[in-house]
Amino acid sequence: MMNRKIKITFILPSLAAGGAERILSFVAQHLDSNKFKPTLLIIGYEKDTIYNLQNLDIIYLNKSRVLKGTFSLFKYFNSVKPDIVVSSIVHLNTLIALISICFPKIKFVAREANVLSVLEKHNPLKKSIFPKFLISYAYKLVDLLICQSKDMQQDMIANYGVSIDKTVLINNPITNVFQHKKAARSNPNILTLITVARLSKEKGHHRIIEVLSKLKFPFKYIMIGDGNEKDTILNLIEKKELTEKVEYIKFTNEVEKYLLKSDIFIQGSYSEGFPNALIESCVVGTPIVAFNAPGGLDEIIEIGKNGYIHNTIEDIVDCLNSLNTNFTFNPEIVSEVVKKRFDKNRIILKYEALFLELMSPNER
């Protein structure tokens, strides 16, 4: 029997578009209000918020950078004294972990958002503001590290020296209610492909474009996303003479609509944390063809049922050629594979059990 609600503060750099922002704010909103009292603390500006969050206490520090929020975080922890603090994204996690030394009575939980060693290899711009040795030290300070995928968990253990006992694996939940497509293919005469991802180097758009340049059958490619590689990618599309076959959408709140009218989601990433876009694509019934990469693909894709994973550009081309001729996916099966694994209620229960376990009986 609990004597009081557990006070949990979830901390994020911002509430701008991003997987970590969406998942952690979703968890904060859906915890059992009879057991937990959640607060969402945002380092950045309120004006950057794109998520409509209800029935949740939100505090904005309105700082331009995470490091500039250091004093405010000290002040907050000292005055509010939350039972548990949960942060996400490596630079924020590192800062919070270092601050945790001063607050031994608070339980600190970090949620990693990427397979860090692979991410830094393929996109130097994504390198943390903190050196690797400091990240390793910081992650040893927290009480627990939440990993979204097996690959991420293994990376933290092998490359950052985190004890397996300090890690827990919790996949991302399906956060929305999606429509379900009726037909496997939207048009038997043209294959419609889609990618929803930030336009940055680690997302591998250049190798997707290389695949498209080798296809000999009629197709359309929908590319949704924005990022620092936008001009490079659009120039490559023009160079490969694919402009008329590509529909580029910088940002939309109607991703579901585009997933529903697409036949295949192409994933080009070199590394992921746990790709929410793939889960959402499968939920509506659109299967995945992905380049093999760390970040949970083998936890999302069941080969032949909701997608395929291949190692090379040539293998992806062969796969798409085959699917164009003989499309074997059933939308209901594609959807069911992920629904049974990543149901939001199931994932929220894992978070709740984790938070309850962190608190000893006399602390509740």
Protein backbone atom coordinates (compact mmCIF):
# COMPACT_ATOMS: atom_id res chain seq x y z
CA MET A 1 0.00 0.00 0.00
CA MET A 2 1.51 3.33 -1.05
CA ASN A 3 1.51 6.14 1.46
CA ARG A 4 2.00 8.93 -1.07
CA LYS A 5 2.47 9.67 -4.74
CA ILE A 6 5.99 9.39 -6.11
CA LYS A 7 7.21 12.74 -7.45
CA ILE A 8 8.89 12.25 -10.84
CA THR A 9 10.47 15.03 -12.87
CA PHE A 10 11.07 14.30 -16.56
CA ILE A 11 13.70 16.59 -18.11
CA LEU A 12 14.20 17.30 -21.82
CA PRO A 13 16.27 19.84 -23.75
CA SER A 14 13.14 21.03 -25.59
CA LEU A 15 9.71 20.02 -26.83
CA ALA A 16 10.61 20.53 -30.48
CA ALA A 17 10.08 17.67 -32.94
CA GLY A 18 12.02 14.54 -32.01
CA GLY A 19 11.63 10.95 -30.90
CA ALA A 20 13.00 11.44 -27.37
CA GLU A 21 10.78 14.47 -26.83
CA ARG A 22 7.67 12.67 -27.96
CA ILE A 23 8.27 9.43 -26.06
CA LEU A 24 9.30 10.91 -22.71
CA SER A 25 6.46 13.45 -22.70
CA PHE A 26 4.07 10.62 -23.62
CA VAL A 27 5.27 8.52 -20.68
CA ALA A 28 4.93 11.50 -18.34
CA GLN A 29 1.32 12.02 -19.44
CA HIS A 30 0.23 8.42 -19.08
CA LEU A 31 1.59 7.33 -15.69
CA ASP A 32 -1.00 6.22 -13.13
CA SER A 33 -2.07 9.46 -11.43
CA ASN A 34 -2.95 7.51 -8.28
CA LYS A 35 0.68 6.46 -7.82
CA PHE A 36 2.76 9.16 -9.48
CA LYS A 37 2.95 12.95 -9.61
CA PRO A 38 4.83 13.78 -12.83
CA THR A 39 6.33 17.12 -13.88
CA LEU A 40 7.91 17.91 -17.22
CA LEU A 41 10.89 20.26 -17.00
CA ILE A 42 12.07 21.76 -20.30
CA ILE A 43 15.46 23.48 -20.60
CA GLY A 44 14.52 25.29 -23.82
CA TYR A 45 11.87 27.77 -24.87
CA GLU A 46 8.11 27.41 -24.63
CA LYS A 47 7.74 28.94 -28.11
CA ASP A 48 9.48 25.90 -29.64
CA THR A 49 6.89 23.43 -28.33
CA ILE A 50 5.07 21.46 -31.02
CA TYR A 51 3.35 18.86 -28.82
CA ASN A 52 -0.11 19.42 -27.37
CA LEU A 53 0.31 18.15 -23.81
CA GLN A 54 -2.63 18.11 -21.44
CA ASN A 55 -3.09 17.36 -17.73
CA LEU A 56 0.63 17.69 -17.09
CA ASP A 57 2.63 20.25 -15.11
CA ILE A 58 5.23 21.75 -17.45
CA ILE A 59 8.05 24.08 -16.43
CA TYR A 60 10.14 25.94 -19.01
CA LEU A 61 13.57 27.29 -18.07
CA ASN A 62 13.71 29.18 -21.40
CA LYS A 63 17.43 28.68 -21.84
CA SER A 64 19.17 28.62 -25.22
CA ARG A 65 21.46 25.71 -24.31
CA VAL A 66 21.45 22.83 -21.84
CA LEU A 67 24.58 24.07 -20.06
CA LYS A 68 22.94 27.45 -19.43
CA GLY A 69 20.29 25.68 -17.38
CA THR A 70 22.79 24.27 -14.87
CA PHE A 71 22.14 26.77 -12.06
CA SER A 72 18.36 26.56 -12.57
CA LEU A 73 18.51 22.76 -12.32
CA PHE A 74 20.42 22.96 -9.04
CA LYS A 75 17.86 25.41 -7.72
CA TYR A 76 14.94 23.23 -8.83
CA PHE A 77 16.30 20.00 -7.31
CA ASN A 78 17.07 21.78 -4.05
CA SER A 79 13.60 23.33 -3.71
CA VAL A 80 11.28 20.68 -5.20
CA LYS A 81 13.21 17.58 -4.08
CA PRO A 82 11.69 15.11 -6.57
CA ASP A 83 11.90 11.42 -5.72
CA ILE A 84 13.00 10.46 -9.24
CA VAL A 85 14.51 12.46 -12.10
CA VAL A 86 14.36 11.06 -15.65
CA SER A 87 16.34 12.72 -18.44
CA SER A 88 16.96 11.89 -22.09
CA ILE A 89 19.59 12.65 -24.78
CA VAL A 90 23.29 12.23 -24.05
CA HIS A 91 24.42 15.82 -23.39
CA LEU A 92 21.56 16.44 -20.96
CA ASN A 93 22.03 13.02 -19.35
CA THR A 94 25.71 13.77 -18.78
CA LEU A 95 25.02 17.12 -17.13
CA ILE A 96 22.25 15.73 -14.94
CA ALA A 97 24.44 12.79 -13.88
CA LEU A 98 27.23 15.15 -12.78
CA ILE A 99 24.72 17.27 -10.84
CA SER A 100 23.37 14.10 -9.19
CA ILE A 101 26.48 13.90 -7.00
CA CYS A 102 25.06 16.80 -4.98
CA PHE A 103 21.64 15.17 -4.47
CA PRO A 104 22.18 11.64 -3.09
CA LYS A 105 18.56 11.25 -1.94
CA ILE A 106 17.15 11.65 -5.46
CA LYS A 107 17.06 8.68 -7.83
CA PHE A 108 18.46 9.66 -11.23
CA VAL A 109 17.46 7.76 -14.38
CA ALA A 110 18.98 8.45 -17.80
CA ARG A 111 17.25 7.37 -21.01
CA GLU A 112 19.68 7.09 -23.91
CA ALA A 113 18.34 8.00 -27.34
CA ASN A 114 20.99 6.59 -29.69
CA VAL A 115 23.59 3.88 -30.23
CA LEU A 116 26.26 6.45 -29.46
CA SER A 117 29.40 4.80 -30.80
CA VAL A 118 27.83 4.22 -34.23
CA LEU A 119 26.11 7.61 -34.35
CA GLU A 120 29.36 9.50 -33.76
CA LYS A 121 31.13 7.43 -36.43
CA HIS A 122 28.65 8.33 -39.17
CA ASN A 123 27.78 11.88 -38.15
CA PRO A 124 30.52 13.90 -36.41
CA LEU A 125 28.07 16.81 -36.12
CA LYS A 126 26.07 14.69 -33.68
CA LYS A 127 29.05 14.22 -31.39
CA SER A 128 28.27 15.15 -27.81
CA ILE A 129 29.62 18.38 -26.32
CA PHE A 130 31.13 16.13 -23.64
CA PRO A 131 34.12 13.80 -24.29
CA LYS A 132 33.56 10.05 -24.24
CA PHE A 133 35.42 9.50 -20.95
CA LEU A 134 33.12 12.01 -19.22
CA ILE A 135 29.99 10.38 -20.68
CA SER A 136 31.23 6.98 -19.44
CA TYR A 137 31.87 8.44 -15.99
CA ALA A 138 28.49 10.17 -15.91
CA TYR A 139 26.51 7.08 -16.86
CA LYS A 140 28.14 5.22 -13.98
CA LEU A 141 26.77 7.87 -11.60
CA VAL A 142 23.09 7.47 -12.45
CA ASP A 143 20.96 4.94 -10.63
CA LEU A 144 19.67 3.41 -13.84
CA LEU A 145 20.07 3.70 -17.61
CA ILE A 146 17.06 3.01 -19.83
CA CYS A 147 17.97 1.59 -23.26
CA GLN A 148 15.45 1.48 -26.09
CA SER A 149 16.97 -1.49 -27.91
CA LYS A 150 19.26 -4.46 -27.34
CA ASP A 151 21.86 -2.85 -29.61
CA MET A 152 21.87 0.28 -27.48
CA GLN A 153 22.17 -1.72 -24.28
CA GLN A 154 25.12 -3.69 -25.65
CA ASP A 155 26.77 -0.47 -26.85
CA MET A 156 26.51 1.10 -23.40
CA ILE A 157 28.03 -1.99 -21.78
CA ALA A 158 30.80 -2.64 -24.33
CA ASN A 159 31.85 0.90 -25.25
CA TYR A 160 30.92 3.05 -22.25
CA GLY A 161 31.62 0.68 -19.38
CA VAL A 162 28.11 0.70 -17.96
CA SER A 163 27.33 -2.33 -15.79
CA ILE A 164 24.56 -4.52 -17.16
CA ASP A 165 22.92 -4.33 -13.72
CA LYS A 166 22.49 -0.59 -14.21
CA THR A 167 20.68 -0.97 -17.53
CA VAL A 168 17.09 -1.83 -18.33
CA LEU A 169 15.60 -2.46 -21.77
CA ILE A 170 12.28 -0.71 -22.51
CA ASN A 171 11.20 -0.33 -26.13
CA ASN A 172 9.25 2.70 -27.32
CA PRO A 173 5.45 2.50 -27.27
CA ILE A 174 2.96 3.12 -30.07
CA THR A 175 1.90 6.62 -29.07
CA ASN A 176 -1.03 7.28 -31.42
CA VAL A 177 -4.15 5.58 -32.70
CA PHE A 178 -3.62 5.03 -36.41
CA GLN A 179 -5.87 4.15 -39.32
CA HIS A 180 -5.29 0.83 -41.03
CA LYS A 181 -4.89 0.44 -44.79
CA LYS A 182 -7.27 -1.84 -46.61
CA ALA A 183 -5.20 -2.82 -49.66
CA ALA A 184 -1.59 -4.04 -49.67
CA ARG A 185 -0.71 -1.81 -52.65
CA SER A 186 -2.16 1.61 -53.36
CA ASN A 187 -1.59 1.29 -57.11
CA PRO A 188 -0.49 -1.95 -58.85
CA ASN A 189 1.11 0.05 -61.66
CA ILE A 190 3.49 2.15 -59.58
CA LEU A 191 5.32 1.32 -56.35
CA THR A 192 5.12 4.12 -53.78
CA LEU A 193 8.06 4.33 -51.39
CA ILE A 194 8.44 6.56 -48.34
CA THR A 195 11.01 7.67 -45.77
CA VAL A 196 10.22 9.78 -42.71
CA ALA A 197 13.45 10.91 -41.07
CA ARG A 198 15.61 13.88 -40.20
CA LEU A 199 17.82 14.89 -43.14
CA SER A 200 21.19 14.21 -41.51
CA LYS A 201 24.12 12.02 -42.46
CA GLU A 202 23.41 9.13 -40.10
CA LYS A 203 19.95 8.65 -41.68
CA GLY A 204 21.54 7.43 -44.91
CA HIS A 205 19.37 9.22 -47.48
CA HIS A 206 22.24 9.22 -49.96
CA ARG A 207 22.23 5.43 -50.17
CA ILE A 208 18.45 5.38 -50.53
CA ILE A 209 18.82 7.73 -53.50
CA GLU A 210 21.48 5.44 -54.92
CA VAL A 211 18.98 2.57 -54.68
CA LEU A 212 16.29 4.63 -56.42
CA SER A 213 18.66 5.50 -59.26
CA LYS A 214 19.03 1.78 -60.03
CA LEU A 215 15.31 0.93 -60.17
CA LYS A 216 13.96 0.24 -63.67
CA PHE A 217 10.24 0.04 -62.85
CA PRO A 218 7.77 2.93 -62.27
CA PHE A 219 7.91 4.29 -58.71
CA LYS A 220 7.26 7.34 -56.57
CA TYR A 221 9.34 8.30 -53.54
CA ILE A 222 7.94 10.44 -50.71
CA MET A 223 10.66 11.97 -48.52
CA ILE A 224 9.48 13.67 -45.32
CA GLY A 225 11.87 15.51 -43.03
CA ASP A 226 14.22 18.45 -42.58
CA GLY A 227 17.80 18.85 -41.43
CA ASN A 228 21.28 20.13 -42.15
CA GLU A 229 21.77 17.77 -45.12
CA LYS A 230 18.68 18.97 -46.99
CA ASP A 231 20.48 20.88 -49.75
CA THR A 232 23.01 18.09 -50.28
CA ILE A 233 20.26 15.48 -50.56
CA LEU A 234 18.08 17.55 -52.90
CA ASN A 235 21.11 18.26 -55.11
CA LEU A 236 21.87 14.53 -55.26
CA ILE A 237 18.27 13.81 -56.27
CA GLU A 238 18.63 16.32 -59.11
CA LYS A 239 22.02 14.92 -60.13
CA LYS A 240 20.54 11.41 -60.35
CA GLU A 241 17.65 12.78 -62.47
CA LEU A 242 15.05 11.66 -59.95
CA THR A 243 13.35 15.01 -59.29
CA GLU A 244 10.11 14.11 -61.07
CA LYS A 245 9.83 10.88 -59.10
CA VAL A 246 10.42 12.42 -55.66
CA GLU A 247 7.90 14.31 -53.55
CA TYR A 248 9.73 16.23 -50.83
CA ILE A 249 7.81 17.37 -47.74
CA LYS A 250 9.74 19.40 -45.18
CA PHE A 251 7.25 18.99 -42.33
CA THR A 252 3.72 17.71 -41.93
CA ASN A 253 1.31 16.79 -39.15
CA GLU A 254 -0.26 14.28 -41.53
CA VAL A 255 2.46 11.61 -41.68
CA GLU A 256 -0.21 8.95 -41.22
CA LYS A 257 -1.90 10.01 -44.47
CA TYR A 258 1.32 9.54 -46.42
CA LEU A 259 2.11 6.21 -44.76
CA LEU A 260 -1.34 4.93 -45.67
CA LYS A 261 -0.86 5.66 -49.38
CA SER A 262 2.68 4.25 -49.48
CA ASP A 263 3.57 0.64 -50.25
CA ILE A 264 6.99 0.37 -48.58
CA PHE A 265 8.95 2.37 -46.02
CA ILE A 266 12.66 2.51 -46.94
CA GLN A 267 15.03 2.87 -43.98
CA GLY A 268 18.56 4.01 -44.80
CA SER A 269 19.95 4.77 -41.34
CA TYR A 270 23.41 3.77 -40.20
CA SER A 271 22.21 3.91 -36.60
CA GLU A 272 18.97 4.45 -34.69
CA GLY A 273 17.93 4.63 -31.08
CA PHE A 274 14.65 2.84 -31.65
CA PRO A 275 12.96 4.13 -34.82
CA ASN A 276 9.42 5.26 -34.02
CA ALA A 277 8.71 5.96 -37.69
CA LEU A 278 9.13 2.26 -38.50
CA ILE A 279 6.69 1.23 -35.79
CA GLU A 280 4.12 3.76 -37.01
CA SER A 281 4.53 2.63 -40.61
CA CYS A 282 3.91 -0.97 -39.63
CA VAL A 283 0.89 -0.05 -37.50
CA VAL A 284 -0.92 1.34 -40.56
CA GLY A 285 0.10 -1.76 -42.55
CA THR A 286 3.05 -0.43 -44.57
CA PRO A 287 6.05 -2.82 -44.40
CA ILE A 288 9.75 -1.93 -44.11
CA VAL A 289 12.76 -2.53 -46.33
CA ALA A 290 15.80 -1.49 -44.30
CA PHE A 291 19.57 -1.37 -44.48
CA ASN A 292 21.02 -3.47 -41.68
CA ALA A 293 22.04 -1.19 -38.79
CA PRO A 294 22.11 -1.18 -34.99
CA GLY A 295 19.15 0.30 -33.18
CA GLY A 296 16.37 -2.25 -32.78
CA LEU A 297 15.59 -3.33 -36.35
CA ASP A 298 15.59 -7.00 -35.37
CA GLU A 299 13.18 -6.19 -32.54
CA ILE A 300 10.75 -4.45 -34.92
CA ILE A 301 11.06 -6.42 -38.16
CA GLU A 302 9.99 -10.04 -38.43
CA ILE A 303 11.46 -11.09 -41.77
CA GLY A 304 8.82 -11.76 -44.39
CA LYS A 305 5.93 -10.70 -42.15
CA ASN A 306 6.43 -6.94 -41.84
CA GLY A 307 9.68 -6.29 -43.67
CA TYR A 308 13.16 -7.22 -44.81
CA ILE A 309 16.66 -6.23 -43.69
CA HIS A 310 19.55 -6.17 -46.17
CA ASN A 311 23.23 -5.23 -46.06
CA THR A 312 23.97 -3.62 -49.41
CA ILE A 313 22.51 -1.27 -52.01
CA GLU A 314 22.38 -4.15 -54.49
CA ASP A 315 20.44 -6.33 -52.03
CA ILE A 316 17.88 -3.55 -51.46
CA VAL A 317 17.48 -3.05 -55.21
CA ASP A 318 16.91 -6.79 -55.72
CA CYS A 319 14.38 -6.83 -52.87
CA LEU A 320 12.38 -3.92 -54.32
CA ASN A 321 12.47 -5.48 -57.79
CA SER A 322 11.06 -8.68 -56.34
CA LEU A 323 8.36 -6.88 -54.35
CA ASN A 324 7.31 -4.83 -57.35
CA THR A 325 6.65 -8.07 -59.22
CA ASN A 326 5.28 -10.09 -56.33
CA PHE A 327 4.07 -8.02 -53.37
CA THR A 328 3.70 -10.57 -50.57
CA PHE A 329 2.82 -8.45 -47.54
CA ASN A 330 -0.54 -8.60 -45.78
CA PRO A 331 -1.36 -5.24 -44.09
CA GLU A 332 -3.07 -6.93 -41.14
CA ILE A 333 -0.03 -9.13 -40.41
CA VAL A 334 2.35 -6.17 -40.86
CA SER A 335 0.36 -4.25 -38.27
CA GLU A 336 -0.14 -7.06 -35.79
CA VAL A 337 3.60 -7.79 -35.50
CA VAL A 338 4.27 -4.40 -33.88
CA LYS A 339 0.95 -3.96 -32.08
CA LYS A 340 1.50 -7.01 -29.91
CA ARG A 341 5.06 -5.97 -29.01
CA PHE A 342 4.78 -2.21 -28.47
CA ASP A 343 1.30 -1.65 -27.11
CA LYS A 344 1.35 1.61 -25.15
CA ASN A 345 -0.29 0.14 -22.04
CA ARG A 346 2.28 -2.63 -21.89
CA ILE A 347 5.20 -0.19 -22.19
CA ILE A 348 3.76 2.26 -19.63
CA LEU A 349 3.39 -0.60 -17.14
CA LYS A 350 7.11 -1.34 -17.57
CA TYR A 351 7.97 2.27 -16.75
CA GLU A 352 5.69 2.24 -13.72
CA ALA A 353 7.16 -1.01 -12.42
CA LEU A 354 10.65 0.43 -12.88
CA PHE A 355 9.86 3.59 -10.91
CA LEU A 356 8.20 1.65 -8.09
CA GLU A 357 11.19 -0.68 -7.86
CA LEU A 358 13.56 2.29 -7.56
CA MET A 359 11.80 3.48 -4.44
CA SER A 360 12.28 1.41 -1.29
CA PRO A 361 9.08 0.67 0.71
CA ASN A 362 9.89 3.23 3.40
CA GLU A 363 10.40 5.92 0.71
CA ARG A 364 6.94 5.52 -0.79
